Amino acid sequence: MSGEFYERWATVYGRVDRLPGLRSWRAGAVDALALSPGDTVVEMGTGTGANVPELRERVGPDGRVVGLDITAEMLRAARRHPERTGAGVDYLRGDATRPPVRGVDAVLGTFVAGIFPDPAAAVDAWCDCVVPGGRVALLNFQRSGHPLALALNLAFEGFVRLSAPGARLSARSQADAFEARVAAARRRLTERTVDRRYETFGGGYLGLVSGTVPDGAA
């Protein structure tokens, strides 16, 4: 994917940060990691670092939060927020599908699984980073099955068209292809973990899948 796409995604991500209710949904994703003081947690595709304050609160002053993103503009935006920087917080520029980290306690990916060409391979790489007993969580947008959701589902299609790479993901529906990628990531996480949980937020428009990496899998 081109640098132009990632710069465009940075703009979209900044808008997503300001959606009403998103803070509570992010807190739910962090809860799913079951973090303890002193843990090291990595957010893959950290974007503007909106999850960092929640993560840092859970790992405490002896823990470490690493925000990994391939886009320099994303990381610059993250560092402009005082509450997203400081002791115990590091930002790394790198490819989340080939993360340069090992032996961490937890991995979080929010709103990124649908943009990877091979999301299952990305999830494999994330699980390989985590120590046995650690947690991996994926939070993603999805269309809702609610009977009154037609208008919002159309808006979701528009959001995916804006945020997806320049080449069409699908001849029929960008949202179909986007959700297929998210589903592939979720399936692989299900295959690689135990003690799995699935939750929805925002009337079904966000889905959270999490699991524990078992002994012998990392």
N, C-alpha and C. Protein backbone atom coordinates (compact mmCIF):
# COMPACT_ATOMS: atom_id res chain seq x y z
N MET A 1 0.84 -1.19 0.00
CA MET A 1 0.00 0.00 0.00
C MET A 1 0.88 1.24 0.00
N SER A 2 0.43 2.28 -0.64
CA SER A 2 1.25 3.46 -0.83
C SER A 2 1.26 4.34 0.40
N GLY A 3 2.32 5.20 0.45
CA GLY A 3 2.38 6.18 1.52
C GLY A 3 1.20 7.14 1.47
N GLU A 4 0.72 7.41 0.24
CA GLU A 4 -0.43 8.30 0.10
C GLU A 4 -1.65 7.73 0.80
N PHE A 5 -1.84 6.41 0.68
CA PHE A 5 -2.97 5.78 1.37
C PHE A 5 -2.86 5.97 2.87
N TYR A 6 -1.68 5.73 3.44
CA TYR A 6 -1.53 5.82 4.88
C TYR A 6 -1.70 7.25 5.37
N GLU A 7 -1.26 8.23 4.57
CA GLU A 7 -1.50 9.62 4.96
C GLU A 7 -3.00 9.91 4.96
N ARG A 8 -3.71 9.36 3.98
CA ARG A 8 -5.17 9.55 3.92
C ARG A 8 -5.82 8.88 5.12
N TRP A 9 -5.33 7.67 5.49
CA TRP A 9 -5.88 6.95 6.64
C TRP A 9 -5.64 7.74 7.92
N ALA A 10 -4.51 8.47 7.99
CA ALA A 10 -4.24 9.29 9.17
C ALA A 10 -5.33 10.33 9.37
N THR A 11 -5.78 10.93 8.25
CA THR A 11 -6.84 11.92 8.33
C THR A 11 -8.14 11.28 8.80
N VAL A 12 -8.48 10.12 8.22
CA VAL A 12 -9.71 9.42 8.61
C VAL A 12 -9.65 9.02 10.07
N TYR A 13 -8.51 8.51 10.49
CA TYR A 13 -8.36 8.04 11.88
C TYR A 13 -8.54 9.20 12.84
N GLY A 14 -8.02 10.38 12.48
CA GLY A 14 -8.20 11.54 13.34
C GLY A 14 -9.67 11.89 13.52
N ARG A 15 -10.46 11.71 12.47
CA ARG A 15 -11.90 11.98 12.57
C ARG A 15 -12.58 10.93 13.43
N VAL A 16 -12.17 9.67 13.25
CA VAL A 16 -12.74 8.58 14.05
C VAL A 16 -12.51 8.83 15.53
N ASP A 17 -11.33 9.36 15.87
CA ASP A 17 -10.99 9.64 17.27
C ASP A 17 -12.05 10.48 17.97
N ARG A 18 -12.75 11.31 17.21
CA ARG A 18 -13.68 12.27 17.80
C ARG A 18 -15.13 11.77 17.80
N LEU A 19 -15.37 10.54 17.36
CA LEU A 19 -16.74 10.03 17.34
C LEU A 19 -17.31 9.92 18.76
N PRO A 20 -18.59 10.28 18.95
CA PRO A 20 -19.20 10.17 20.29
C PRO A 20 -19.20 8.73 20.78
N GLY A 21 -18.89 8.55 22.04
CA GLY A 21 -18.93 7.23 22.65
C GLY A 21 -17.71 6.37 22.43
N LEU A 22 -16.78 6.85 21.58
CA LEU A 22 -15.64 6.01 21.24
C LEU A 22 -14.74 5.75 22.44
N ARG A 23 -14.69 6.67 23.38
CA ARG A 23 -13.82 6.46 24.54
C ARG A 23 -14.23 5.23 25.34
N SER A 24 -15.54 5.03 25.52
CA SER A 24 -15.98 3.86 26.28
C SER A 24 -15.72 2.58 25.50
N TRP A 25 -15.80 2.63 24.16
CA TRP A 25 -15.52 1.45 23.36
C TRP A 25 -14.03 1.10 23.44
N ARG A 26 -13.20 2.11 23.41
CA ARG A 26 -11.76 1.87 23.56
C ARG A 26 -11.45 1.26 24.92
N ALA A 27 -12.11 1.76 25.96
CA ALA A 27 -11.90 1.21 27.30
C ALA A 27 -12.29 -0.26 27.34
N GLY A 28 -13.34 -0.62 26.63
CA GLY A 28 -13.74 -2.03 26.57
C GLY A 28 -12.68 -2.89 25.91
N ALA A 29 -12.05 -2.36 24.87
CA ALA A 29 -10.98 -3.10 24.20
C ALA A 29 -9.79 -3.29 25.12
N VAL A 30 -9.44 -2.25 25.87
CA VAL A 30 -8.32 -2.35 26.82
C VAL A 30 -8.67 -3.33 27.94
N ASP A 31 -9.91 -3.31 28.42
CA ASP A 31 -10.34 -4.27 29.44
C ASP A 31 -10.12 -5.70 28.98
N ALA A 32 -10.35 -5.97 27.70
CA ALA A 32 -10.25 -7.33 27.18
C ALA A 32 -8.83 -7.87 27.24
N LEU A 33 -7.84 -6.98 27.39
CA LEU A 33 -6.44 -7.42 27.46
C LEU A 33 -6.06 -7.92 28.85
N ALA A 34 -6.88 -7.62 29.86
CA ALA A 34 -6.61 -8.06 31.24
C ALA A 34 -5.19 -7.69 31.67
N LEU A 35 -4.81 -6.44 31.46
CA LEU A 35 -3.46 -5.99 31.77
C LEU A 35 -3.24 -5.88 33.27
N SER A 36 -1.99 -6.05 33.67
CA SER A 36 -1.59 -5.91 35.07
C SER A 36 -0.48 -4.87 35.17
N PRO A 37 -0.31 -4.24 36.34
CA PRO A 37 0.79 -3.31 36.52
C PRO A 37 2.13 -3.96 36.18
N GLY A 38 2.96 -3.23 35.44
CA GLY A 38 4.26 -3.73 35.03
C GLY A 38 4.28 -4.43 33.69
N ASP A 39 3.11 -4.65 33.08
CA ASP A 39 3.05 -5.31 31.77
C ASP A 39 3.60 -4.42 30.66
N THR A 40 3.97 -5.08 29.58
CA THR A 40 4.31 -4.39 28.33
C THR A 40 3.24 -4.71 27.31
N VAL A 41 2.63 -3.67 26.75
CA VAL A 41 1.58 -3.85 25.76
C VAL A 41 1.95 -3.07 24.50
N VAL A 42 1.66 -3.67 23.34
CA VAL A 42 1.95 -3.04 22.06
C VAL A 42 0.63 -2.82 21.32
N GLU A 43 0.45 -1.61 20.83
CA GLU A 43 -0.69 -1.35 19.95
C GLU A 43 -0.19 -1.32 18.52
N MET A 44 -0.70 -2.25 17.72
CA MET A 44 -0.34 -2.34 16.32
C MET A 44 -1.20 -1.39 15.50
N GLY A 45 -0.55 -0.50 14.75
CA GLY A 45 -1.29 0.52 14.04
C GLY A 45 -1.87 1.51 15.02
N THR A 46 -1.02 2.06 15.87
CA THR A 46 -1.49 2.91 16.97
C THR A 46 -2.14 4.20 16.50
N GLY A 47 -1.87 4.61 15.25
CA GLY A 47 -2.48 5.83 14.76
C GLY A 47 -2.03 7.04 15.55
N THR A 48 -2.99 7.81 16.01
CA THR A 48 -2.69 9.03 16.75
C THR A 48 -2.54 8.79 18.25
N GLY A 49 -2.49 7.53 18.67
CA GLY A 49 -2.22 7.21 20.06
C GLY A 49 -3.39 7.39 21.00
N ALA A 50 -4.61 7.37 20.47
CA ALA A 50 -5.78 7.63 21.31
C ALA A 50 -5.97 6.59 22.41
N ASN A 51 -5.48 5.37 22.20
CA ASN A 51 -5.62 4.33 23.22
C ASN A 51 -4.54 4.38 24.29
N VAL A 52 -3.49 5.15 24.05
CA VAL A 52 -2.33 5.12 24.93
C VAL A 52 -2.67 5.51 26.38
N PRO A 53 -3.44 6.56 26.64
CA PRO A 53 -3.74 6.88 28.04
C PRO A 53 -4.41 5.74 28.79
N GLU A 54 -5.36 5.05 28.15
CA GLU A 54 -6.02 3.92 28.79
C GLU A 54 -5.02 2.79 29.06
N LEU A 55 -4.18 2.51 28.09
CA LEU A 55 -3.20 1.44 28.23
C LEU A 55 -2.20 1.76 29.33
N ARG A 56 -1.74 3.01 29.35
CA ARG A 56 -0.74 3.39 30.35
C ARG A 56 -1.32 3.33 31.76
N GLU A 57 -2.58 3.69 31.90
CA GLU A 57 -3.23 3.62 33.21
C GLU A 57 -3.24 2.18 33.73
N ARG A 58 -3.47 1.22 32.82
CA ARG A 58 -3.58 -0.17 33.26
C ARG A 58 -2.22 -0.78 33.61
N VAL A 59 -1.15 -0.41 32.88
CA VAL A 59 0.15 -1.03 33.15
C VAL A 59 0.92 -0.30 34.24
N GLY A 60 0.48 0.90 34.59
CA GLY A 60 1.09 1.63 35.69
C GLY A 60 2.47 2.17 35.39
N PRO A 61 3.09 2.82 36.36
CA PRO A 61 4.38 3.47 36.15
C PRO A 61 5.52 2.51 35.85
N ASP A 62 5.37 1.24 36.22
CA ASP A 62 6.42 0.25 35.95
C ASP A 62 6.20 -0.49 34.63
N GLY A 63 5.09 -0.21 33.96
CA GLY A 63 4.79 -0.88 32.69
C GLY A 63 5.28 -0.09 31.50
N ARG A 64 5.02 -0.63 30.33
CA ARG A 64 5.47 0.01 29.09
C ARG A 64 4.39 -0.12 28.03
N VAL A 65 4.15 0.98 27.34
CA VAL A 65 3.22 1.02 26.21
C VAL A 65 4.01 1.36 24.95
N VAL A 66 3.88 0.52 23.94
CA VAL A 66 4.57 0.75 22.66
C VAL A 66 3.51 0.96 21.59
N GLY A 67 3.57 2.09 20.93
CA GLY A 67 2.68 2.38 19.82
C GLY A 67 3.43 2.22 18.51
N LEU A 68 3.02 1.26 17.69
CA LEU A 68 3.70 0.97 16.43
C LEU A 68 2.83 1.41 15.27
N ASP A 69 3.41 2.17 14.35
CA ASP A 69 2.67 2.60 13.17
C ASP A 69 3.65 2.85 12.04
N ILE A 70 3.19 2.63 10.81
CA ILE A 70 4.06 2.80 9.66
C ILE A 70 4.07 4.24 9.15
N THR A 71 3.12 5.05 9.60
CA THR A 71 2.94 6.39 9.06
C THR A 71 3.53 7.44 9.97
N ALA A 72 4.48 8.18 9.47
CA ALA A 72 5.15 9.21 10.27
C ALA A 72 4.17 10.27 10.74
N GLU A 73 3.20 10.63 9.90
CA GLU A 73 2.23 11.67 10.28
C GLU A 73 1.39 11.22 11.46
N MET A 74 1.04 9.95 11.50
CA MET A 74 0.30 9.42 12.65
C MET A 74 1.10 9.60 13.93
N LEU A 75 2.36 9.21 13.89
CA LEU A 75 3.19 9.27 15.08
C LEU A 75 3.46 10.71 15.50
N ARG A 76 3.62 11.59 14.54
CA ARG A 76 3.79 13.01 14.88
C ARG A 76 2.55 13.54 15.59
N ALA A 77 1.38 13.13 15.10
CA ALA A 77 0.14 13.57 15.73
C ALA A 77 0.03 13.02 17.15
N ALA A 78 0.44 11.78 17.35
CA ALA A 78 0.38 11.18 18.69
C ALA A 78 1.26 11.95 19.66
N ARG A 79 2.44 12.33 19.21
CA ARG A 79 3.39 13.01 20.10
C ARG A 79 2.98 14.43 20.42
N ARG A 80 2.01 14.96 19.70
CA ARG A 80 1.54 16.33 19.99
C ARG A 80 0.57 16.36 21.17
N HIS A 81 0.14 15.19 21.65
CA HIS A 81 -0.79 15.12 22.78
C HIS A 81 -0.03 14.80 24.06
N PRO A 82 0.06 15.71 25.00
CA PRO A 82 0.83 15.45 26.23
C PRO A 82 0.37 14.21 26.98
N GLU A 83 -0.94 13.94 26.97
CA GLU A 83 -1.45 12.79 27.71
C GLU A 83 -1.12 11.46 27.02
N ARG A 84 -0.59 11.52 25.80
CA ARG A 84 -0.23 10.31 25.07
C ARG A 84 1.28 10.10 24.99
N THR A 85 2.03 10.85 25.76
CA THR A 85 3.48 10.74 25.77
C THR A 85 3.96 10.68 27.22
N GLY A 86 5.26 10.53 27.39
CA GLY A 86 5.83 10.55 28.73
C GLY A 86 6.51 9.25 29.09
N ALA A 87 6.86 9.10 30.35
CA ALA A 87 7.58 7.92 30.84
C ALA A 87 6.77 6.66 30.59
N GLY A 88 7.45 5.65 30.08
CA GLY A 88 6.79 4.37 29.84
C GLY A 88 6.07 4.28 28.52
N VAL A 89 6.11 5.33 27.69
CA VAL A 89 5.44 5.33 26.39
C VAL A 89 6.49 5.50 25.30
N ASP A 90 6.48 4.59 24.33
CA ASP A 90 7.40 4.66 23.19
C ASP A 90 6.59 4.52 21.91
N TYR A 91 6.97 5.31 20.91
CA TYR A 91 6.37 5.17 19.57
C TYR A 91 7.45 4.70 18.61
N LEU A 92 7.09 3.68 17.82
CA LEU A 92 8.01 3.12 16.85
C LEU A 92 7.38 3.19 15.46
N ARG A 93 8.18 3.62 14.49
CA ARG A 93 7.71 3.56 13.12
C ARG A 93 8.09 2.20 12.54
N GLY A 94 7.11 1.44 12.14
CA GLY A 94 7.37 0.12 11.60
C GLY A 94 6.11 -0.51 11.05
N ASP A 95 6.27 -1.62 10.38
CA ASP A 95 5.18 -2.35 9.73
C ASP A 95 4.51 -3.27 10.74
N ALA A 96 3.24 -3.06 11.00
CA ALA A 96 2.52 -3.87 11.98
C ALA A 96 2.34 -5.31 11.52
N THR A 97 2.54 -5.60 10.24
CA THR A 97 2.46 -6.99 9.78
C THR A 97 3.77 -7.73 10.02
N ARG A 98 4.84 -6.98 10.33
CA ARG A 98 6.14 -7.59 10.67
C ARG A 98 6.69 -6.83 11.89
N PRO A 99 6.03 -6.93 13.02
CA PRO A 99 6.39 -6.09 14.17
C PRO A 99 7.77 -6.44 14.74
N PRO A 100 8.57 -5.41 15.03
CA PRO A 100 9.93 -5.63 15.55
C PRO A 100 9.94 -5.76 17.07
N VAL A 101 9.02 -6.53 17.63
CA VAL A 101 8.93 -6.71 19.09
C VAL A 101 8.69 -8.18 19.38
N ARG A 102 9.13 -8.62 20.56
CA ARG A 102 8.91 -10.00 21.00
C ARG A 102 8.71 -10.01 22.50
N GLY A 103 8.09 -11.06 22.99
CA GLY A 103 7.99 -11.28 24.42
C GLY A 103 7.18 -10.26 25.17
N VAL A 104 6.12 -9.72 24.54
CA VAL A 104 5.29 -8.72 25.21
C VAL A 104 4.10 -9.42 25.86
N ASP A 105 3.42 -8.69 26.74
CA ASP A 105 2.32 -9.28 27.50
C ASP A 105 0.97 -9.18 26.80
N ALA A 106 0.83 -8.24 25.89
CA ALA A 106 -0.46 -8.07 25.22
C ALA A 106 -0.27 -7.28 23.93
N VAL A 107 -1.19 -7.49 22.99
CA VAL A 107 -1.22 -6.76 21.73
C VAL A 107 -2.65 -6.30 21.48
N LEU A 108 -2.78 -5.05 21.06
CA LEU A 108 -4.08 -4.47 20.71
C LEU A 108 -4.03 -3.96 19.28
N GLY A 109 -5.07 -4.28 18.52
CA GLY A 109 -5.24 -3.73 17.17
C GLY A 109 -6.64 -3.16 17.03
N THR A 110 -6.75 -1.85 16.83
CA THR A 110 -8.06 -1.23 16.69
C THR A 110 -8.20 -0.62 15.30
N PHE A 111 -9.23 -1.03 14.59
CA PHE A 111 -9.60 -0.46 13.29
C PHE A 111 -8.52 -0.64 12.23
N VAL A 112 -7.69 -1.69 12.33
CA VAL A 112 -6.63 -1.87 11.34
C VAL A 112 -6.72 -3.19 10.59
N ALA A 113 -7.39 -4.21 11.13
CA ALA A 113 -7.38 -5.53 10.51
C ALA A 113 -7.91 -5.49 9.07
N GLY A 114 -8.83 -4.60 8.78
CA GLY A 114 -9.44 -4.55 7.46
C GLY A 114 -8.58 -3.92 6.39
N ILE A 115 -7.43 -3.36 6.74
CA ILE A 115 -6.61 -2.69 5.72
C ILE A 115 -5.42 -3.53 5.27
N PHE A 116 -5.19 -4.68 5.92
CA PHE A 116 -4.03 -5.49 5.57
C PHE A 116 -4.37 -6.43 4.41
N PRO A 117 -3.47 -6.57 3.43
CA PRO A 117 -3.71 -7.53 2.34
C PRO A 117 -3.86 -8.96 2.84
N ASP A 118 -3.11 -9.32 3.89
CA ASP A 118 -3.19 -10.67 4.46
C ASP A 118 -3.39 -10.54 5.97
N PRO A 119 -4.61 -10.28 6.40
CA PRO A 119 -4.86 -10.04 7.83
C PRO A 119 -4.56 -11.25 8.70
N ALA A 120 -4.75 -12.47 8.19
CA ALA A 120 -4.47 -13.65 8.99
C ALA A 120 -2.98 -13.73 9.31
N ALA A 121 -2.13 -13.41 8.35
CA ALA A 121 -0.69 -13.42 8.60
C ALA A 121 -0.30 -12.36 9.62
N ALA A 122 -0.98 -11.21 9.56
CA ALA A 122 -0.70 -10.16 10.54
C ALA A 122 -1.04 -10.64 11.95
N VAL A 123 -2.18 -11.30 12.10
CA VAL A 123 -2.57 -11.81 13.42
C VAL A 123 -1.59 -12.88 13.89
N ASP A 124 -1.12 -13.72 12.98
CA ASP A 124 -0.09 -14.70 13.34
C ASP A 124 1.14 -14.00 13.93
N ALA A 125 1.57 -12.94 13.27
CA ALA A 125 2.75 -12.21 13.73
C ALA A 125 2.50 -11.61 15.11
N TRP A 126 1.28 -11.14 15.35
CA TRP A 126 0.96 -10.54 16.65
C TRP A 126 0.96 -11.61 17.74
N CYS A 127 0.37 -12.75 17.45
CA CYS A 127 0.35 -13.82 18.45
C CYS A 127 1.77 -14.31 18.75
N ASP A 128 2.62 -14.32 17.74
CA ASP A 128 4.00 -14.74 17.94
C ASP A 128 4.77 -13.78 18.83
N CYS A 129 4.31 -12.54 18.93
CA CYS A 129 4.98 -11.54 19.77
C CYS A 129 4.67 -11.71 21.25
N VAL A 130 3.59 -12.40 21.55
CA VAL A 130 3.03 -12.40 22.91
C VAL A 130 3.49 -13.62 23.69
N VAL A 131 3.81 -13.42 24.95
CA VAL A 131 4.20 -14.52 25.82
C VAL A 131 3.00 -15.41 26.10
N PRO A 132 3.22 -16.71 26.39
CA PRO A 132 2.10 -17.58 26.77
C PRO A 132 1.34 -16.98 27.95
N GLY A 133 0.03 -16.99 27.82
CA GLY A 133 -0.81 -16.38 28.85
C GLY A 133 -1.15 -14.94 28.59
N GLY A 134 -0.51 -14.33 27.58
CA GLY A 134 -0.82 -12.95 27.22
C GLY A 134 -2.05 -12.87 26.33
N ARG A 135 -2.56 -11.66 26.15
CA ARG A 135 -3.82 -11.47 25.44
C ARG A 135 -3.61 -10.68 24.15
N VAL A 136 -4.46 -10.96 23.17
CA VAL A 136 -4.53 -10.21 21.92
C VAL A 136 -5.98 -9.80 21.71
N ALA A 137 -6.22 -8.54 21.34
CA ALA A 137 -7.59 -8.05 21.13
C ALA A 137 -7.68 -7.28 19.83
N LEU A 138 -8.77 -7.48 19.10
CA LEU A 138 -9.05 -6.79 17.85
C LEU A 138 -10.38 -6.07 17.96
N LEU A 139 -10.37 -4.76 17.74
CA LEU A 139 -11.60 -3.96 17.71
C LEU A 139 -11.77 -3.42 16.31
N ASN A 140 -12.94 -3.66 15.71
CA ASN A 140 -13.16 -3.23 14.33
C ASN A 140 -14.59 -2.76 14.11
N PHE A 141 -14.74 -1.85 13.16
CA PHE A 141 -16.06 -1.48 12.69
C PHE A 141 -16.64 -2.63 11.88
N GLN A 142 -17.99 -2.70 11.87
CA GLN A 142 -18.69 -3.70 11.08
C GLN A 142 -20.10 -3.20 10.83
N ARG A 143 -20.73 -3.74 9.81
CA ARG A 143 -22.12 -3.39 9.57
C ARG A 143 -23.01 -4.09 10.60
N SER A 144 -24.10 -3.43 10.92
CA SER A 144 -25.03 -3.97 11.91
C SER A 144 -26.16 -4.73 11.22
N GLY A 145 -26.63 -5.79 11.89
CA GLY A 145 -27.77 -6.53 11.38
C GLY A 145 -29.11 -6.00 11.87
N HIS A 146 -29.10 -4.89 12.58
CA HIS A 146 -30.34 -4.32 13.10
C HIS A 146 -31.23 -3.90 11.93
N PRO A 147 -32.53 -4.17 11.98
CA PRO A 147 -33.42 -3.86 10.85
C PRO A 147 -33.52 -2.37 10.54
N LEU A 148 -33.18 -1.51 11.48
CA LEU A 148 -33.26 -0.07 11.23
C LEU A 148 -31.91 0.52 10.83
N ALA A 149 -30.95 -0.33 10.47
CA ALA A 149 -29.58 0.12 10.28
C ALA A 149 -29.21 0.39 8.82
N LEU A 150 -30.16 0.36 7.91
CA LEU A 150 -29.82 0.49 6.49
C LEU A 150 -29.04 1.77 6.20
N ALA A 151 -29.51 2.91 6.69
CA ALA A 151 -28.83 4.17 6.40
C ALA A 151 -27.41 4.17 6.94
N LEU A 152 -27.23 3.66 8.14
CA LEU A 152 -25.90 3.63 8.73
C LEU A 152 -25.00 2.64 8.00
N ASN A 153 -25.58 1.55 7.49
CA ASN A 153 -24.78 0.61 6.71
C ASN A 153 -24.28 1.25 5.43
N LEU A 154 -25.09 2.09 4.82
CA LEU A 154 -24.66 2.83 3.63
C LEU A 154 -23.54 3.81 3.99
N ALA A 155 -23.65 4.42 5.16
CA ALA A 155 -22.59 5.31 5.62
C ALA A 155 -21.30 4.54 5.86
N PHE A 156 -21.43 3.32 6.35
CA PHE A 156 -20.26 2.47 6.57
C PHE A 156 -19.56 2.19 5.24
N GLU A 157 -20.34 1.93 4.21
CA GLU A 157 -19.76 1.71 2.88
C GLU A 157 -18.95 2.94 2.46
N GLY A 158 -19.50 4.13 2.69
CA GLY A 158 -18.78 5.35 2.34
C GLY A 158 -17.51 5.52 3.14
N PHE A 159 -17.57 5.18 4.42
CA PHE A 159 -16.38 5.28 5.27
C PHE A 159 -15.28 4.36 4.75
N VAL A 160 -15.63 3.14 4.37
CA VAL A 160 -14.63 2.20 3.88
C VAL A 160 -14.04 2.67 2.57
N ARG A 161 -14.87 3.23 1.67
CA ARG A 161 -14.36 3.75 0.41
C ARG A 161 -13.35 4.87 0.64
N LEU A 162 -13.61 5.70 1.64
CA LEU A 162 -12.70 6.81 1.94
C LEU A 162 -11.38 6.31 2.51
N SER A 163 -11.46 5.29 3.34
CA SER A 163 -10.27 4.87 4.10
C SER A 163 -9.48 3.75 3.44
N ALA A 164 -10.07 3.05 2.47
CA ALA A 164 -9.40 1.90 1.88
C ALA A 164 -8.35 2.35 0.86
N PRO A 165 -7.43 1.45 0.47
CA PRO A 165 -6.42 1.79 -0.53
C PRO A 165 -7.04 2.23 -1.82
N GLY A 166 -6.24 2.85 -2.69
CA GLY A 166 -6.73 3.41 -3.93
C GLY A 166 -7.38 2.39 -4.83
N ALA A 167 -6.82 1.19 -4.92
CA ALA A 167 -7.44 0.14 -5.72
C ALA A 167 -8.69 -0.37 -5.01
N ARG A 168 -9.71 -0.68 -5.80
CA ARG A 168 -10.94 -1.18 -5.20
C ARG A 168 -10.70 -2.52 -4.54
N LEU A 169 -11.27 -2.71 -3.37
CA LEU A 169 -11.18 -3.99 -2.69
C LEU A 169 -12.13 -5.01 -3.31
N SER A 170 -13.20 -4.53 -3.91
CA SER A 170 -14.21 -5.42 -4.45
C SER A 170 -14.93 -4.71 -5.58
N ALA A 171 -15.33 -5.47 -6.61
CA ALA A 171 -16.08 -4.89 -7.72
C ALA A 171 -17.49 -4.52 -7.29
N ARG A 172 -18.00 -5.13 -6.22
CA ARG A 172 -19.37 -4.90 -5.80
C ARG A 172 -19.45 -3.95 -4.62
N SER A 173 -18.77 -4.25 -3.58
CA SER A 173 -18.90 -3.47 -2.36
C SER A 173 -17.57 -3.42 -1.62
N GLN A 174 -17.09 -2.21 -1.38
CA GLN A 174 -15.89 -2.06 -0.57
C GLN A 174 -16.10 -2.64 0.83
N ALA A 175 -17.29 -2.40 1.39
CA ALA A 175 -17.56 -2.87 2.74
C ALA A 175 -17.54 -4.39 2.81
N ASP A 176 -18.03 -5.07 1.77
CA ASP A 176 -17.98 -6.54 1.76
C ASP A 176 -16.55 -7.03 1.88
N ALA A 177 -15.66 -6.45 1.06
CA ALA A 177 -14.27 -6.89 1.07
C ALA A 177 -13.58 -6.51 2.37
N PHE A 178 -13.90 -5.33 2.88
CA PHE A 178 -13.32 -4.89 4.15
C PHE A 178 -13.71 -5.86 5.27
N GLU A 179 -14.98 -6.20 5.33
CA GLU A 179 -15.44 -7.11 6.38
C GLU A 179 -14.89 -8.52 6.19
N ALA A 180 -14.63 -8.91 4.95
CA ALA A 180 -14.03 -10.23 4.73
C ALA A 180 -12.62 -10.27 5.32
N ARG A 181 -11.90 -9.17 5.22
CA ARG A 181 -10.56 -9.10 5.81
C ARG A 181 -10.64 -9.13 7.34
N VAL A 182 -11.57 -8.39 7.87
CA VAL A 182 -11.75 -8.41 9.33
C VAL A 182 -12.11 -9.82 9.78
N ALA A 183 -13.00 -10.49 9.05
CA ALA A 183 -13.40 -11.85 9.41
C ALA A 183 -12.21 -12.80 9.37
N ALA A 184 -11.32 -12.62 8.38
CA ALA A 184 -10.14 -13.48 8.29
C ALA A 184 -9.23 -13.28 9.50
N ALA A 185 -9.08 -12.03 9.94
CA ALA A 185 -8.28 -11.75 11.13
C ALA A 185 -8.90 -12.38 12.36
N ARG A 186 -10.21 -12.27 12.49
CA ARG A 186 -10.89 -12.84 13.66
C ARG A 186 -10.80 -14.36 13.67
N ARG A 187 -10.93 -14.98 12.50
CA ARG A 187 -10.82 -16.44 12.44
C ARG A 187 -9.43 -16.89 12.89
N ARG A 188 -8.40 -16.20 12.42
CA ARG A 188 -7.05 -16.60 12.80
C ARG A 188 -6.82 -16.39 14.30
N LEU A 189 -7.35 -15.30 14.85
CA LEU A 189 -7.20 -15.09 16.29
C LEU A 189 -7.91 -16.20 17.06
N THR A 190 -9.06 -16.63 16.57
CA THR A 190 -9.80 -17.72 17.20
C THR A 190 -8.98 -19.02 17.16
N GLU A 191 -8.30 -19.25 16.04
CA GLU A 191 -7.49 -20.46 15.90
C GLU A 191 -6.25 -20.44 16.80
N ARG A 192 -5.73 -19.25 17.05
CA ARG A 192 -4.46 -19.15 17.76
C ARG A 192 -4.60 -18.95 19.27
N THR A 193 -5.81 -18.76 19.77
CA THR A 193 -5.98 -18.40 21.18
C THR A 193 -7.01 -19.28 21.88
N VAL A 194 -7.00 -19.17 23.21
CA VAL A 194 -8.01 -19.81 24.06
C VAL A 194 -8.65 -18.70 24.90
N ASP A 195 -9.64 -19.08 25.71
CA ASP A 195 -10.33 -18.11 26.56
C ASP A 195 -10.78 -16.90 25.74
N ARG A 196 -11.48 -17.19 24.66
CA ARG A 196 -11.86 -16.13 23.72
C ARG A 196 -13.15 -15.44 24.15
N ARG A 197 -13.23 -14.17 23.77
CA ARG A 197 -14.43 -13.37 24.06
C ARG A 197 -14.81 -12.57 22.82
N TYR A 198 -16.13 -12.42 22.61
CA TYR A 198 -16.63 -11.56 21.55
C TYR A 198 -17.66 -10.63 22.14
N GLU A 199 -17.49 -9.34 21.89
CA GLU A 199 -18.41 -8.33 22.40
C GLU A 199 -18.73 -7.34 21.28
N THR A 200 -19.88 -6.70 21.38
CA THR A 200 -20.23 -5.64 20.42
C THR A 200 -20.52 -4.35 21.17
N PHE A 201 -20.32 -3.24 20.47
CA PHE A 201 -20.58 -1.91 21.01
C PHE A 201 -21.29 -1.08 19.94
N GLY A 202 -21.82 0.04 20.38
CA GLY A 202 -22.39 0.99 19.43
C GLY A 202 -23.48 0.41 18.56
N GLY A 203 -24.42 -0.33 19.17
CA GLY A 203 -25.52 -0.88 18.39
C GLY A 203 -25.10 -1.96 17.41
N GLY A 204 -23.97 -2.59 17.68
CA GLY A 204 -23.48 -3.65 16.81
C GLY A 204 -22.51 -3.19 15.75
N TYR A 205 -22.19 -1.90 15.71
CA TYR A 205 -21.29 -1.37 14.69
C TYR A 205 -19.81 -1.53 15.03
N LEU A 206 -19.50 -1.99 16.22
CA LEU A 206 -18.14 -2.34 16.56
C LEU A 206 -18.13 -3.74 17.17
N GLY A 207 -17.17 -4.54 16.74
CA GLY A 207 -17.02 -5.87 17.27
C GLY A 207 -15.63 -6.04 17.86
N LEU A 208 -15.57 -6.64 19.04
CA LEU A 208 -14.32 -6.85 19.75
C LEU A 208 -14.11 -8.35 19.96
N VAL A 209 -13.01 -8.85 19.44
CA VAL A 209 -12.63 -10.25 19.62
C VAL A 209 -11.31 -10.28 20.36
N SER A 210 -11.21 -11.10 21.40
CA SER A 210 -9.97 -11.20 22.16
C SER A 210 -9.73 -12.64 22.57
N GLY A 211 -8.47 -12.96 22.87
CA GLY A 211 -8.13 -14.30 23.30
C GLY A 211 -6.77 -14.34 23.96
N THR A 212 -6.50 -15.45 24.63
CA THR A 212 -5.24 -15.68 25.33
C THR A 212 -4.34 -16.61 24.52
N VAL A 213 -3.09 -16.21 24.35
CA VAL A 213 -2.12 -17.05 23.64
C VAL A 213 -1.72 -18.20 24.57
N PRO A 214 -1.93 -19.44 24.15
CA PRO A 214 -1.65 -20.58 25.05
C PRO A 214 -0.16 -20.94 25.07
N ASP A 215 0.22 -21.78 26.00
CA ASP A 215 1.58 -22.30 26.05
C ASP A 215 1.91 -23.02 24.76
N GLY A 216 3.12 -22.76 24.25
CA GLY A 216 3.56 -23.42 23.04
C GLY A 216 3.15 -22.74 21.76
N ALA A 217 2.36 -21.61 21.85
CA ALA A 217 1.90 -20.93 20.64
C ALA A 217 2.74 -19.72 20.32
N ALA A 218 3.51 -19.22 21.28
CA ALA A 218 4.27 -17.99 21.03
C ALA A 218 5.71 -18.33 20.72
